[in-house]
Amino acid sequence: MNIAIWIITALIAVAFIGAGLMKVAQPRTKLAANGMAWTNDYSDAGVKLVGLAELLGGLGLILPAVTGIAPILVPIAAAALTVIMVGAVVWHVRANDTKGALPSAVLGILALLVAITRFGPWAF
C-alpha cells in the first residue's frame, strides 16, 4: 500500500508542480487564450498566487518526506491542495464547464487520499 501511495503522491506532485510553474511563468492573458477561462475572473496577482500555491503544495508533497525534514508537511500540503481543488471544481461547475471540473475533482480526490493516508497513527 505504501508504494501505491508514493506513486500517487509523485504523480500528483508532478501535476501540481507543472501546473503551478505554468501559472507563475506565463501571463494571465496567455493562460486564458490557451483555454484557462477561469483566469479571466481573477487578477494577474490572483492567478500567480494560485500558481504559487500549487507549486509549493506539489513540492510539499515530496520534499519533506524525502529529506526527512518536517514530514508532517506532506499531509498538510495534500490537505491544502485538496482545498484548492475543491475551489477549482466549484468554479468549473458554476461556469458550466464540466469538462474542466473532472480533472480538478480527480486531483482533489487523489490529494485527499494522500492527506488521509499520511495523517494519524495509520500513516505509513
PDB file of N, CA and C in Angstrom:
ATOM      1  N   MET A   1       0.821  -1.203   0.000  1.00  0.00           N
ATOM      2  CA  MET A   1       0.000   0.000   0.000  1.00  0.00           C
ATOM      3  C   MET A   1       0.859   1.259   0.000  1.00  0.00           C
ATOM      4  N   ASN A   2       1.959   1.232   0.739  1.00  0.00           N
ATOM      5  CA  ASN A   2       2.837   2.390   0.821  1.00  0.00           C
ATOM      6  C   ASN A   2       3.392   2.763  -0.554  1.00  0.00           C
ATOM      7  N   ILE A   3       3.731   1.762  -1.346  1.00  0.00           N
ATOM      8  CA  ILE A   3       4.267   2.032  -2.692  1.00  0.00           C
ATOM      9  C   ILE A   3       3.197   2.695  -3.561  1.00  0.00           C
ATOM     10  N   ALA A   4       1.966   2.222  -3.456  1.00  0.00           N
ATOM     11  CA  ALA A   4       0.872   2.818  -4.239  1.00  0.00           C
ATOM     12  C   ALA A   4       0.665   4.280  -3.851  1.00  0.00           C
ATOM     13  N   ILE A   5       0.706   4.571  -2.565  1.00  0.00           N
ATOM     14  CA  ILE A   5       0.527   5.958  -2.114  1.00  0.00           C
ATOM     15  C   ILE A   5       1.695   6.813  -2.590  1.00  0.00           C
ATOM     16  N   TRP A   6       2.900   6.290  -2.571  1.00  0.00           N
ATOM     17  CA  TRP A   6       4.050   7.044  -3.078  1.00  0.00           C
ATOM     18  C   TRP A   6       3.903   7.333  -4.572  1.00  0.00           C
ATOM     19  N   ILE A   7       3.416   6.357  -5.316  1.00  0.00           N
ATOM     20  CA  ILE A   7       3.223   6.566  -6.760  1.00  0.00           C
ATOM     21  C   ILE A   7       2.176   7.647  -7.000  1.00  0.00           C
ATOM     22  N   ILE A   8       1.060   7.568  -6.281  1.00  0.00           N
ATOM     23  CA  ILE A   8       0.017   8.591  -6.403  1.00  0.00           C
ATOM     24  C   ILE A   8       0.561   9.954  -6.000  1.00  0.00           C
ATOM     25  N   THR A   9       1.305   9.987  -4.897  1.00  0.00           N
ATOM     26  CA  THR A   9       1.878  11.248  -4.428  1.00  0.00           C
ATOM     27  C   THR A   9       2.813  11.846  -5.469  1.00  0.00           C
ATOM     28  N   ALA A  10       3.665  11.021  -6.044  1.00  0.00           N
ATOM     29  CA  ALA A  10       4.606  11.516  -7.059  1.00  0.00           C
ATOM     30  C   ALA A  10       3.873  12.036  -8.290  1.00  0.00           C
ATOM     31  N   LEU A  11       2.847  11.320  -8.713  1.00  0.00           N
ATOM     32  CA  LEU A  11       2.098  11.744  -9.903  1.00  0.00           C
ATOM     33  C   LEU A  11       1.386  13.079  -9.688  1.00  0.00           C
ATOM     34  N   ILE A  12       0.713  13.216  -8.549  1.00  0.00           N
ATOM     35  CA  ILE A  12       0.013  14.485  -8.340  1.00  0.00           C
ATOM     36  C   ILE A  12       1.005  15.607  -8.036  1.00  0.00           C
ATOM     37  N   ALA A  13       2.151  15.273  -7.444  1.00  0.00           N
ATOM     38  CA  ALA A  13       3.175  16.303  -7.219  1.00  0.00           C
ATOM     39  C   ALA A  13       3.651  16.859  -8.560  1.00  0.00           C
ATOM     40  N   VAL A  14       3.917  15.973  -9.509  1.00  0.00           N
ATOM     41  CA  VAL A  14       4.349  16.415 -10.838  1.00  0.00           C
ATOM     42  C   VAL A  14       3.263  17.269 -11.489  1.00  0.00           C
ATOM     43  N   ALA A  15       2.008  16.848 -11.357  1.00  0.00           N
ATOM     44  CA  ALA A  15       0.903  17.608 -11.954  1.00  0.00           C
ATOM     45  C   ALA A  15       0.800  18.999 -11.337  1.00  0.00           C
ATOM     46  N   PHE A  16       0.879  19.081 -10.000  1.00  0.00           N
ATOM     47  CA  PHE A  16       0.752  20.386  -9.343  1.00  0.00           C
ATOM     48  C   PHE A  16       1.970  21.266  -9.589  1.00  0.00           C
ATOM     49  N   ILE A  17       3.156  20.690  -9.599  1.00  0.00           N
ATOM     50  CA  ILE A  17       4.353  21.483  -9.869  1.00  0.00           C
ATOM     51  C   ILE A  17       4.302  22.036 -11.289  1.00  0.00           C
ATOM     52  N   GLY A  18       3.917  21.195 -12.245  1.00  0.00           N
ATOM     53  CA  GLY A  18       3.805  21.653 -13.632  1.00  0.00           C
ATOM     54  C   GLY A  18       2.753  22.731 -13.812  1.00  0.00           C
ATOM     55  N   ALA A  19       1.582  22.511 -13.223  1.00  0.00           N
ATOM     56  CA  ALA A  19       0.505  23.494 -13.332  1.00  0.00           C
ATOM     57  C   ALA A  19       0.887  24.796 -12.634  1.00  0.00           C
ATOM     58  N   GLY A  20       1.518  24.677 -11.486  1.00  0.00           N
ATOM     59  CA  GLY A  20       1.936  25.869 -10.747  1.00  0.00           C
ATOM     60  C   GLY A  20       2.985  26.669 -11.501  1.00  0.00           C
ATOM     61  N   LEU A  21       3.976  25.977 -12.051  1.00  0.00           N
ATOM     62  CA  LEU A  21       5.012  26.668 -12.828  1.00  0.00           C
ATOM     63  C   LEU A  21       4.408  27.373 -14.035  1.00  0.00           C
ATOM     64  N   MET A  22       3.467  26.724 -14.690  1.00  0.00           N
ATOM     65  CA  MET A  22       2.828  27.332 -15.862  1.00  0.00           C
ATOM     66  C   MET A  22       2.107  28.619 -15.473  1.00  0.00           C
ATOM     67  N   LYS A  23       1.387  28.591 -14.365  1.00  0.00           N
ATOM     68  CA  LYS A  23       0.628  29.773 -13.940  1.00  0.00           C
ATOM     69  C   LYS A  23       1.544  30.892 -13.450  1.00  0.00           C
ATOM     70  N   VAL A  24       2.647  30.530 -12.847  1.00  0.00           N
ATOM     71  CA  VAL A  24       3.585  31.542 -12.355  1.00  0.00           C
ATOM     72  C   VAL A  24       4.386  32.150 -13.505  1.00  0.00           C
ATOM     73  N   ALA A  25       4.743  31.338 -14.504  1.00  0.00           N
ATOM     74  CA  ALA A  25       5.652  31.784 -15.554  1.00  0.00           C
ATOM     75  C   ALA A  25       4.963  32.498 -16.719  1.00  0.00           C
ATOM     76  N   GLN A  26       3.681  32.200 -16.967  1.00  0.00           N
ATOM     77  CA  GLN A  26       3.014  32.763 -18.135  1.00  0.00           C
ATOM     78  C   GLN A  26       2.064  33.878 -17.732  1.00  0.00           C
ATOM     79  N   PRO A  27       1.900  34.864 -18.592  1.00  0.00           N
ATOM     80  CA  PRO A  27       0.940  35.932 -18.299  1.00  0.00           C
ATOM     81  C   PRO A  27      -0.490  35.394 -18.300  1.00  0.00           C
ATOM     82  N   ARG A  28      -1.337  36.025 -17.514  1.00  0.00           N
ATOM     83  CA  ARG A  28      -2.731  35.614 -17.384  1.00  0.00           C
ATOM     84  C   ARG A  28      -3.426  35.589 -18.740  1.00  0.00           C
ATOM     85  N   THR A  29      -3.149  36.563 -19.597  1.00  0.00           N
ATOM     86  CA  THR A  29      -3.815  36.625 -20.906  1.00  0.00           C
ATOM     87  C   THR A  29      -3.454  35.413 -21.765  1.00  0.00           C
ATOM     88  N   LYS A  30      -2.208  34.958 -21.674  1.00  0.00           N
ATOM     89  CA  LYS A  30      -1.801  33.777 -22.440  1.00  0.00           C
ATOM     90  C   LYS A  30      -2.470  32.526 -21.895  1.00  0.00           C
ATOM     91  N   LEU A  31      -2.588  32.436 -20.578  1.00  0.00           N
ATOM     92  CA  LEU A  31      -3.279  31.294 -19.978  1.00  0.00           C
ATOM     93  C   LEU A  31      -4.737  31.256 -20.422  1.00  0.00           C
ATOM     94  N   ALA A  32      -5.387  32.424 -20.430  1.00  0.00           N
ATOM     95  CA  ALA A  32      -6.788  32.496 -20.862  1.00  0.00           C
ATOM     96  C   ALA A  32      -6.915  32.106 -22.325  1.00  0.00           C
ATOM     97  N   ALA A  33      -5.980  32.542 -23.153  1.00  0.00           N
ATOM     98  CA  ALA A  33      -6.016  32.211 -24.578  1.00  0.00           C
ATOM     99  C   ALA A  33      -5.797  30.718 -24.811  1.00  0.00           C
ATOM    100  N   ASN A  34      -5.093  30.056 -23.886  1.00  0.00           N
ATOM    101  CA  ASN A  34      -4.832  28.618 -24.013  1.00  0.00           C
ATOM    102  C   ASN A  34      -5.903  27.762 -23.368  1.00  0.00           C
ATOM    103  N   GLY A  35      -7.049  28.344 -23.038  1.00  0.00           N
ATOM    104  CA  GLY A  35      -8.173  27.552 -22.553  1.00  0.00           C
ATOM    105  C   GLY A  35      -8.448  27.620 -21.071  1.00  0.00           C
ATOM    106  N   MET A  36      -7.685  28.400 -20.333  1.00  0.00           N
ATOM    107  CA  MET A  36      -7.936  28.529 -18.898  1.00  0.00           C
ATOM    108  C   MET A  36      -8.845  29.738 -18.677  1.00  0.00           C
ATOM    109  N   ALA A  37     -10.120  29.533 -18.963  1.00  0.00           N
ATOM    110  CA  ALA A  37     -11.082  30.633 -18.898  1.00  0.00           C
ATOM    111  C   ALA A  37     -11.219  31.212 -17.495  1.00  0.00           C
ATOM    112  N   TRP A  38     -10.953  30.423 -16.480  1.00  0.00           N
ATOM    113  CA  TRP A  38     -11.094  30.907 -15.101  1.00  0.00           C
ATOM    114  C   TRP A  38     -10.175  32.082 -14.816  1.00  0.00           C
ATOM    115  N   THR A  39      -9.066  32.192 -15.557  1.00  0.00           N
ATOM    116  CA  THR A  39      -8.122  33.279 -15.304  1.00  0.00           C
ATOM    117  C   THR A  39      -8.722  34.640 -15.624  1.00  0.00           C
ATOM    118  N   ASN A  40      -9.767  34.673 -16.454  1.00  0.00           N
ATOM    119  CA  ASN A  40     -10.427  35.944 -16.769  1.00  0.00           C
ATOM    120  C   ASN A  40     -11.155  36.528 -15.558  1.00  0.00           C
ATOM    121  N   ASP A  41     -11.467  35.677 -14.587  1.00  0.00           N
ATOM    122  CA  ASP A  41     -12.200  36.125 -13.398  1.00  0.00           C
ATOM    123  C   ASP A  41     -11.280  36.612 -12.280  1.00  0.00           C
ATOM    124  N   TYR A  42      -9.973  36.531 -12.487  1.00  0.00           N
ATOM    125  CA  TYR A  42      -9.021  36.878 -11.431  1.00  0.00           C
ATOM    126  C   TYR A  42      -7.973  37.850 -11.955  1.00  0.00           C
ATOM    127  N   SER A  43      -7.339  38.552 -11.031  1.00  0.00           N
ATOM    128  CA  SER A  43      -6.271  39.484 -11.401  1.00  0.00           C
ATOM    129  C   SER A  43      -5.000  38.698 -11.724  1.00  0.00           C
ATOM    130  N   ASP A  44      -4.030  39.407 -12.278  1.00  0.00           N
ATOM    131  CA  ASP A  44      -2.738  38.774 -12.549  1.00  0.00           C
ATOM    132  C   ASP A  44      -2.140  38.215 -11.262  1.00  0.00           C
ATOM    133  N   ALA A  45      -2.204  39.003 -10.205  1.00  0.00           N
ATOM    134  CA  ALA A  45      -1.648  38.565  -8.918  1.00  0.00           C
ATOM    135  C   ALA A  45      -2.410  37.359  -8.372  1.00  0.00           C
ATOM    136  N   GLY A  46      -3.714  37.321  -8.562  1.00  0.00           N
ATOM    137  CA  GLY A  46      -4.511  36.191  -8.092  1.00  0.00           C
ATOM    138  C   GLY A  46      -4.134  34.899  -8.791  1.00  0.00           C
ATOM    139  N   VAL A  47      -3.935  34.971 -10.097  1.00  0.00           N
ATOM    140  CA  VAL A  47      -3.535  33.790 -10.860  1.00  0.00           C
ATOM    141  C   VAL A  47      -2.137  33.341 -10.428  1.00  0.00           C
ATOM    142  N   LYS A  48      -1.239  34.286 -10.251  1.00  0.00           N
ATOM    143  CA  LYS A  48       0.123  33.947  -9.796  1.00  0.00           C
ATOM    144  C   LYS A  48       0.082  33.317  -8.405  1.00  0.00           C
ATOM    145  N   LEU A  49      -0.804  33.813  -7.549  1.00  0.00           N
ATOM    146  CA  LEU A  49      -0.927  33.267  -6.200  1.00  0.00           C
ATOM    147  C   LEU A  49      -1.430  31.819  -6.235  1.00  0.00           C
ATOM    148  N   VAL A  50      -2.403  31.547  -7.083  1.00  0.00           N
ATOM    149  CA  VAL A  50      -2.881  30.171  -7.238  1.00  0.00           C
ATOM    150  C   VAL A  50      -1.742  29.291  -7.749  1.00  0.00           C
ATOM    151  N   GLY A  51      -1.007  29.777  -8.728  1.00  0.00           N
ATOM    152  CA  GLY A  51       0.125  29.016  -9.261  1.00  0.00           C
ATOM    153  C   GLY A  51       1.188  28.758  -8.209  1.00  0.00           C
ATOM    154  N   LEU A  52       1.478  29.765  -7.404  1.00  0.00           N
ATOM    155  CA  LEU A  52       2.472  29.604  -6.344  1.00  0.00           C
ATOM    156  C   LEU A  52       1.995  28.590  -5.305  1.00  0.00           C
ATOM    157  N   ALA A  53       0.720  28.637  -4.960  1.00  0.00           N
ATOM    158  CA  ALA A  53       0.160  27.678  -4.001  1.00  0.00           C
ATOM    159  C   ALA A  53       0.256  26.256  -4.549  1.00  0.00           C
ATOM    160  N   GLU A  54      -0.046  26.077  -5.824  1.00  0.00           N
ATOM    161  CA  GLU A  54       0.063  24.750  -6.429  1.00  0.00           C
ATOM    162  C   GLU A  54       1.515  24.285  -6.493  1.00  0.00           C
ATOM    163  N   LEU A  55       2.405  25.177  -6.849  1.00  0.00           N
ATOM    164  CA  LEU A  55       3.825  24.840  -6.919  1.00  0.00           C
ATOM    165  C   LEU A  55       4.366  24.435  -5.554  1.00  0.00           C
ATOM    166  N   LEU A  56       4.100  25.245  -4.541  1.00  0.00           N
ATOM    167  CA  LEU A  56       4.587  24.933  -3.196  1.00  0.00           C
ATOM    168  C   LEU A  56       3.915  23.681  -2.641  1.00  0.00           C
ATOM    169  N   GLY A  57       2.631  23.503  -2.935  1.00  0.00           N
ATOM    170  CA  GLY A  57       1.938  22.297  -2.499  1.00  0.00           C
ATOM    171  C   GLY A  57       2.531  21.048  -3.132  1.00  0.00           C
ATOM    172  N   GLY A  58       2.825  21.117  -4.425  1.00  0.00           N
ATOM    173  CA  GLY A  58       3.445  19.979  -5.105  1.00  0.00           C
ATOM    174  C   GLY A  58       4.805  19.642  -4.526  1.00  0.00           C
ATOM    175  N   LEU A  59       5.607  20.673  -4.256  1.00  0.00           N
ATOM    176  CA  LEU A  59       6.909  20.439  -3.618  1.00  0.00           C
ATOM    177  C   LEU A  59       6.735  19.897  -2.205  1.00  0.00           C
ATOM    178  N   GLY A  60       5.695  20.370  -1.520  1.00  0.00           N
ATOM    179  CA  GLY A  60       5.420  19.927  -0.157  1.00  0.00           C
ATOM    180  C   GLY A  60       4.957  18.480  -0.071  1.00  0.00           C
ATOM    181  N   LEU A  61       4.507  17.925  -1.181  1.00  0.00           N
ATOM    182  CA  LEU A  61       4.116  16.519  -1.190  1.00  0.00           C
ATOM    183  C   LEU A  61       5.332  15.590  -1.182  1.00  0.00           C
ATOM    184  N   ILE A  62       6.452  16.072  -1.685  1.00  0.00           N
ATOM    185  CA  ILE A  62       7.616  15.206  -1.871  1.00  0.00           C
ATOM    186  C   ILE A  62       8.785  15.557  -0.953  1.00  0.00           C
ATOM    187  N   LEU A  63       9.200  16.824  -0.968  1.00  0.00           N
ATOM    188  CA  LEU A  63      10.447  17.207  -0.294  1.00  0.00           C
ATOM    189  C   LEU A  63      10.517  16.877   1.198  1.00  0.00           C
ATOM    190  N   PRO A  64       9.481  17.156   1.991  1.00  0.00           N
ATOM    191  CA  PRO A  64       9.598  16.843   3.419  1.00  0.00           C
ATOM    192  C   PRO A  64       9.812  15.352   3.694  1.00  0.00           C
ATOM    193  N   ALA A  65       9.132  14.503   2.938  1.00  0.00           N
ATOM    194  CA  ALA A  65       9.275  13.065   3.154  1.00  0.00           C
ATOM    195  C   ALA A  65      10.630  12.556   2.684  1.00  0.00           C
ATOM    196  N   VAL A  66      11.104  13.075   1.560  1.00  0.00           N
ATOM    197  CA  VAL A  66      12.383  12.628   1.012  1.00  0.00           C
ATOM    198  C   VAL A  66      13.551  13.089   1.878  1.00  0.00           C
ATOM    199  N   THR A  67      13.486  14.324   2.359  1.00  0.00           N
ATOM    200  CA  THR A  67      14.588  14.858   3.162  1.00  0.00           C
ATOM    201  C   THR A  67      14.485  14.457   4.628  1.00  0.00           C
ATOM    202  N   GLY A  68      13.296  14.062   5.063  1.00  0.00           N
ATOM    203  CA  GLY A  68      13.102  13.733   6.473  1.00  0.00           C
ATOM    204  C   GLY A  68      12.945  14.960   7.353  1.00  0.00           C
ATOM    205  N   ILE A  69      12.899  16.133   6.732  1.00  0.00           N
ATOM    206  CA  ILE A  69      12.734  17.383   7.477  1.00  0.00           C
ATOM    207  C   ILE A  69      11.251  17.732   7.509  1.00  0.00           C
ATOM    208  N   ALA A  70      10.675  17.741   8.690  1.00  0.00           N
ATOM    209  CA  ALA A  70       9.266  18.080   8.919  1.00  0.00           C
ATOM    210  C   ALA A  70       8.319  17.286   8.018  1.00  0.00           C
ATOM    211  N   PRO A  71       8.347  15.948   8.081  1.00  0.00           N
ATOM    212  CA  PRO A  71       7.482  15.151   7.213  1.00  0.00           C
ATOM    213  C   PRO A  71       5.984  15.362   7.453  1.00  0.00           C
ATOM    214  N   ILE A  72       5.621  16.001   8.549  1.00  0.00           N
ATOM    215  CA  ILE A  72       4.210  16.325   8.792  1.00  0.00           C
ATOM    216  C   ILE A  72       3.679  17.285   7.725  1.00  0.00           C
ATOM    217  N   LEU A  73       4.579  17.951   7.023  1.00  0.00           N
ATOM    218  CA  LEU A  73       4.158  18.881   5.975  1.00  0.00           C
ATOM    219  C   LEU A  73       3.551  18.164   4.766  1.00  0.00           C
ATOM    220  N   VAL A  74       3.846  16.882   4.590  1.00  0.00           N
ATOM    221  CA  VAL A  74       3.287  16.145   3.447  1.00  0.00           C
ATOM    222  C   VAL A  74       1.762  16.088   3.520  1.00  0.00           C
ATOM    223  N   PRO A  75       1.172  15.598   4.612  1.00  0.00           N
ATOM    224  CA  PRO A  75      -0.297  15.578   4.640  1.00  0.00           C
ATOM    225  C   PRO A  75      -0.913  16.972   4.702  1.00  0.00           C
ATOM    226  N   ILE A  76      -0.186  17.920   5.283  1.00  0.00           N
ATOM    227  CA  ILE A  76      -0.700  19.297   5.307  1.00  0.00           C
ATOM    228  C   ILE A  76      -0.757  19.855   3.885  1.00  0.00           C
ATOM    229  N   ALA A  77       0.297  19.610   3.111  1.00  0.00           N
ATOM    230  CA  ALA A  77       0.308  20.057   1.713  1.00  0.00           C
ATOM    231  C   ALA A  77      -0.806  19.371   0.925  1.00  0.00           C
ATOM    232  N   ALA A  78      -1.002  18.082   1.165  1.00  0.00           N
ATOM    233  CA  ALA A  78      -2.053  17.348   0.460  1.00  0.00           C
ATOM    234  C   ALA A  78      -3.435  17.896   0.824  1.00  0.00           C
ATOM    235  N   ALA A  79      -3.642  18.204   2.093  1.00  0.00           N
ATOM    236  CA  ALA A  79      -4.935  18.766   2.517  1.00  0.00           C
ATOM    237  C   ALA A  79      -5.157  20.142   1.895  1.00  0.00           C
ATOM    238  N   ALA A  80      -4.109  20.954   1.852  1.00  0.00           N
ATOM    239  CA  ALA A  80      -4.227  22.289   1.252  1.00  0.00           C
ATOM    240  C   ALA A  80      -4.531  22.189  -0.242  1.00  0.00           C
ATOM    241  N   LEU A  81      -3.892  21.254  -0.921  1.00  0.00           N
ATOM    242  CA  LEU A  81      -4.160  21.072  -2.350  1.00  0.00           C
ATOM    243  C   LEU A  81      -5.588  20.561  -2.575  1.00  0.00           C
ATOM    244  N   THR A  82      -6.091  19.772  -1.638  1.00  0.00           N
ATOM    245  CA  THR A  82      -7.486  19.330  -1.727  1.00  0.00           C
ATOM    246  C   THR A  82      -8.419  20.530  -1.684  1.00  0.00           C
ATOM    247  N   VAL A  83      -8.138  21.460  -0.788  1.00  0.00           N
ATOM    248  CA  VAL A  83      -8.965  22.670  -0.677  1.00  0.00           C
ATOM    249  C   VAL A  83      -8.898  23.486  -1.971  1.00  0.00           C
ATOM    250  N   ILE A  84      -7.713  23.619  -2.534  1.00  0.00           N
ATOM    251  CA  ILE A  84      -7.561  24.350  -3.796  1.00  0.00           C
ATOM    252  C   ILE A  84      -8.393  23.681  -4.897  1.00  0.00           C
ATOM    253  N   MET A  85      -8.362  22.358  -4.952  1.00  0.00           N
ATOM    254  CA  MET A  85      -9.113  21.643  -5.988  1.00  0.00           C
ATOM    255  C   MET A  85     -10.620  21.699  -5.755  1.00  0.00           C
ATOM    256  N   VAL A  86     -11.056  21.768  -4.506  1.00  0.00           N
ATOM    257  CA  VAL A  86     -12.485  21.973  -4.241  1.00  0.00           C
ATOM    258  C   VAL A  86     -12.911  23.319  -4.830  1.00  0.00           C
ATOM    259  N   GLY A  87     -12.100  24.338  -4.619  1.00  0.00           N
ATOM    260  CA  GLY A  87     -12.383  25.652  -5.206  1.00  0.00           C
ATOM    261  C   GLY A  87     -12.411  25.601  -6.725  1.00  0.00           C
ATOM    262  N   ALA A  88     -11.499  24.831  -7.308  1.00  0.00           N
ATOM    263  CA  ALA A  88     -11.470  24.702  -8.768  1.00  0.00           C
ATOM    264  C   ALA A  88     -12.728  24.008  -9.280  1.00  0.00           C
ATOM    265  N   VAL A  89     -13.151  22.956  -8.599  1.00  0.00           N
ATOM    266  CA  VAL A  89     -14.367  22.252  -9.015  1.00  0.00           C
ATOM    267  C   VAL A  89     -15.571  23.178  -8.908  1.00  0.00           C
ATOM    268  N   VAL A  90     -15.661  23.916  -7.819  1.00  0.00           N
ATOM    269  CA  VAL A  90     -16.782  24.849  -7.641  1.00  0.00           C
ATOM    270  C   VAL A  90     -16.802  25.865  -8.782  1.00  0.00           C
ATOM    271  N   TRP A  91     -15.648  26.430  -9.130  1.00  0.00           N
ATOM    272  CA  TRP A  91     -15.606  27.410 -10.216  1.00  0.00           C
ATOM    273  C   TRP A  91     -16.081  26.774 -11.519  1.00  0.00           C
ATOM    274  N   HIS A  92     -15.564  25.585 -11.840  1.00  0.00           N
ATOM    275  CA  HIS A  92     -15.930  24.934 -13.102  1.00  0.00           C
ATOM    276  C   HIS A  92     -17.419  24.594 -13.160  1.00  0.00           C
ATOM    277  N   VAL A  93     -17.972  24.133 -12.051  1.00  0.00           N
ATOM    278  CA  VAL A  93     -19.399  23.794 -12.028  1.00  0.00           C
ATOM    279  C   VAL A  93     -20.241  25.053 -12.212  1.00  0.00           C
ATOM    280  N   ARG A  94     -19.873  26.131 -11.522  1.00  0.00           N
ATOM    281  CA  ARG A  94     -20.616  27.392 -11.671  1.00  0.00           C
ATOM    282  C   ARG A  94     -20.532  27.937 -13.086  1.00  0.00           C
ATOM    283  N   ALA A  95     -19.418  27.671 -13.759  1.00  0.00           N
ATOM    284  CA  ALA A  95     -19.233  28.160 -15.128  1.00  0.00           C
ATOM    285  C   ALA A  95     -19.772  27.171 -16.163  1.00  0.00           C
ATOM    286  N   ASN A  96     -20.457  26.119 -15.697  1.00  0.00           N
ATOM    287  CA  ASN A  96     -20.972  25.067 -16.581  1.00  0.00           C
ATOM    288  C   ASN A  96     -19.871  24.432 -17.420  1.00  0.00           C
ATOM    289  N   ASP A  97     -18.702  24.289 -16.832  1.00  0.00           N
ATOM    290  CA  ASP A  97     -17.548  23.689 -17.502  1.00  0.00           C
ATOM    291  C   ASP A  97     -17.277  22.327 -16.886  1.00  0.00           C
ATOM    292  N   THR A  98     -18.132  21.364 -17.201  1.00  0.00           N
ATOM    293  CA  THR A  98     -17.976  20.037 -16.606  1.00  0.00           C
ATOM    294  C   THR A  98     -16.711  19.344 -17.092  1.00  0.00           C
ATOM    295  N   LYS A  99     -16.276  19.686 -18.300  1.00  0.00           N
ATOM    296  CA  LYS A  99     -15.040  19.097 -18.823  1.00  0.00           C
ATOM    297  C   LYS A  99     -13.843  19.527 -17.980  1.00  0.00           C
ATOM    298  N   GLY A 100     -13.851  20.738 -17.481  1.00  0.00           N
ATOM    299  CA  GLY A 100     -12.772  21.226 -16.636  1.00  0.00           C
ATOM    300  C   GLY A 100     -12.891  20.781 -15.187  1.00  0.00           C
ATOM    301  N   ALA A 101     -14.103  20.455 -14.763  1.00  0.00           N
ATOM    302  CA  ALA A 101     -14.312  20.048 -13.374  1.00  0.00           C
ATOM    303  C   ALA A 101     -13.766  18.656 -13.106  1.00  0.00           C
ATOM    304  N   LEU A 102     -13.798  17.780 -14.085  1.00  0.00           N
ATOM    305  CA  LEU A 102     -13.378  16.400 -13.867  1.00  0.00           C
ATOM    306  C   LEU A 102     -11.906  16.271 -13.476  1.00  0.00           C
ATOM    307  N   PRO A 103     -10.960  16.868 -14.207  1.00  0.00           N
ATOM    308  CA  PRO A 103      -9.566  16.749 -13.779  1.00  0.00           C
ATOM    309  C   PRO A 103      -9.325  17.357 -12.394  1.00  0.00           C
ATOM    310  N   SER A 104      -9.988  18.462 -12.111  1.00  0.00           N
ATOM    311  CA  SER A 104      -9.841  19.085 -10.793  1.00  0.00           C
ATOM    312  C   SER A 104     -10.369  18.166  -9.697  1.00  0.00           C
ATOM    313  N   ALA A 105     -11.488  17.517  -9.963  1.00  0.00           N
ATOM    314  CA  ALA A 105     -12.070  16.592  -8.991  1.00  0.00           C
ATOM    315  C   ALA A 105     -11.154  15.387  -8.764  1.00  0.00           C
ATOM    316  N   VAL A 106     -10.605  14.849  -9.833  1.00  0.00           N
ATOM    317  CA  VAL A 106      -9.707  13.697  -9.709  1.00  0.00           C
ATOM    318  C   VAL A 106      -8.464  14.074  -8.905  1.00  0.00           C
ATOM    319  N   LEU A 107      -7.845  15.206  -9.236  1.00  0.00           N
ATOM    320  CA  LEU A 107      -6.675  15.649  -8.471  1.00  0.00           C
ATOM    321  C   LEU A 107      -7.027  15.900  -7.014  1.00  0.00           C
ATOM    322  N   GLY A 108      -8.195  16.472  -6.773  1.00  0.00           N
ATOM    323  CA  GLY A 108      -8.627  16.726  -5.402  1.00  0.00           C
ATOM    324  C   GLY A 108      -8.834  15.442  -4.614  1.00  0.00           C
ATOM    325  N   ILE A 109      -9.449  14.459  -5.239  1.00  0.00           N
ATOM    326  CA  ILE A 109      -9.672  13.171  -4.574  1.00  0.00           C
ATOM    327  C   ILE A 109      -8.348  12.476  -4.285  1.00  0.00           C
ATOM    328  N   LEU A 110      -7.429  12.516  -5.238  1.00  0.00           N
ATOM    329  CA  LEU A 110      -6.120  11.902  -5.004  1.00  0.00           C
ATOM    330  C   LEU A 110      -5.344  12.635  -3.913  1.00  0.00           C
ATOM    331  N   ALA A 111      -5.428  13.954  -3.887  1.00  0.00           N
ATOM    332  CA  ALA A 111      -4.766  14.715  -2.828  1.00  0.00           C
ATOM    333  C   ALA A 111      -5.388  14.387  -1.474  1.00  0.00           C
ATOM    334  N   LEU A 112      -6.697  14.231  -1.433  1.00  0.00           N
ATOM    335  CA  LEU A 112      -7.371  13.854  -0.191  1.00  0.00           C
ATOM    336  C   LEU A 112      -6.933  12.464   0.263  1.00  0.00           C
ATOM    337  N   LEU A 113      -6.792  11.546  -0.666  1.00  0.00           N
ATOM    338  CA  LEU A 113      -6.307  10.203  -0.346  1.00  0.00           C
ATOM    339  C   LEU A 113      -4.921  10.262   0.288  1.00  0.00           C
ATOM    340  N   VAL A 114      -4.043  11.069  -0.292  1.00  0.00           N
ATOM    341  CA  VAL A 114      -2.695  11.222   0.267  1.00  0.00           C
ATOM    342  C   VAL A 114      -2.779  11.842   1.657  1.00  0.00           C
ATOM    343  N   ALA A 115      -3.594  12.858   1.823  1.00  0.00           N
ATOM    344  CA  ALA A 115      -3.721  13.505   3.137  1.00  0.00           C
ATOM    345  C   ALA A 115      -4.204  12.514   4.188  1.00  0.00           C
ATOM    346  N   ILE A 116      -5.203  11.726   3.862  1.00  0.00           N
ATOM    347  CA  ILE A 116      -5.761  10.778   4.824  1.00  0.00           C
ATOM    348  C   ILE A 116      -4.753   9.690   5.177  1.00  0.00           C
ATOM    349  N   THR A 117      -4.053   9.176   4.184  1.00  0.00           N
ATOM    350  CA  THR A 117      -3.124   8.076   4.456  1.00  0.00           C
ATOM    351  C   THR A 117      -1.841   8.537   5.129  1.00  0.00           C
ATOM    352  N   ARG A 118      -1.543   9.818   5.075  1.00  0.00           N
ATOM    353  CA  ARG A 118      -0.308  10.314   5.703  1.00  0.00           C
ATOM    354  C   ARG A 118      -0.541  10.955   7.066  1.00  0.00           C
ATOM    355  N   PHE A 119      -1.798  11.205   7.457  1.00  0.00           N
ATOM    356  CA  PHE A 119      -2.116  11.743   8.774  1.00  0.00           C
ATOM    357  C   PHE A 119      -2.354  10.611   9.763  1.00  0.00           C
ATOM    358  N   GLY A 120      -2.095  10.876  10.991  1.00  0.00           N
ATOM    359  CA  GLY A 120      -2.529   9.994  12.074  1.00  0.00           C
ATOM    360  C   GLY A 120      -1.718   8.741  12.274  1.00  0.00           C
ATOM    361  N   PRO A 121      -2.193   7.894  13.187  1.00  0.00           N
ATOM    362  CA  PRO A 121      -1.453   6.683  13.541  1.00  0.00           C
ATOM    363  C   PRO A 121      -1.445   5.643  12.424  1.00  0.00           C
ATOM    364  N   TRP A 122      -2.362   5.743  11.469  1.00  0.00           N
ATOM    365  CA  TRP A 122      -2.390   4.790  10.376  1.00  0.00           C
ATOM    366  C   TRP A 122      -1.480   5.212   9.223  1.00  0.00           C
ATOM    367  N   ALA A 123      -0.800   6.338   9.383  1.00  0.00           N
ATOM    368  CA  ALA A 123       0.094   6.835   8.321  1.00  0.00           C
ATOM    369  C   ALA A 123       1.244   5.847   8.125  1.00  0.00           C
ATOM    370  N   PHE A 124       1.626   5.728   6.878  1.00  0.00           N
ATOM    371  CA  PHE A 124       2.750   4.836   6.567  1.00  0.00           C
ATOM    372  C   PHE A 124       3.572   5.391   5.461  1.00  0.00           C
TER     373      PHE A 124
END
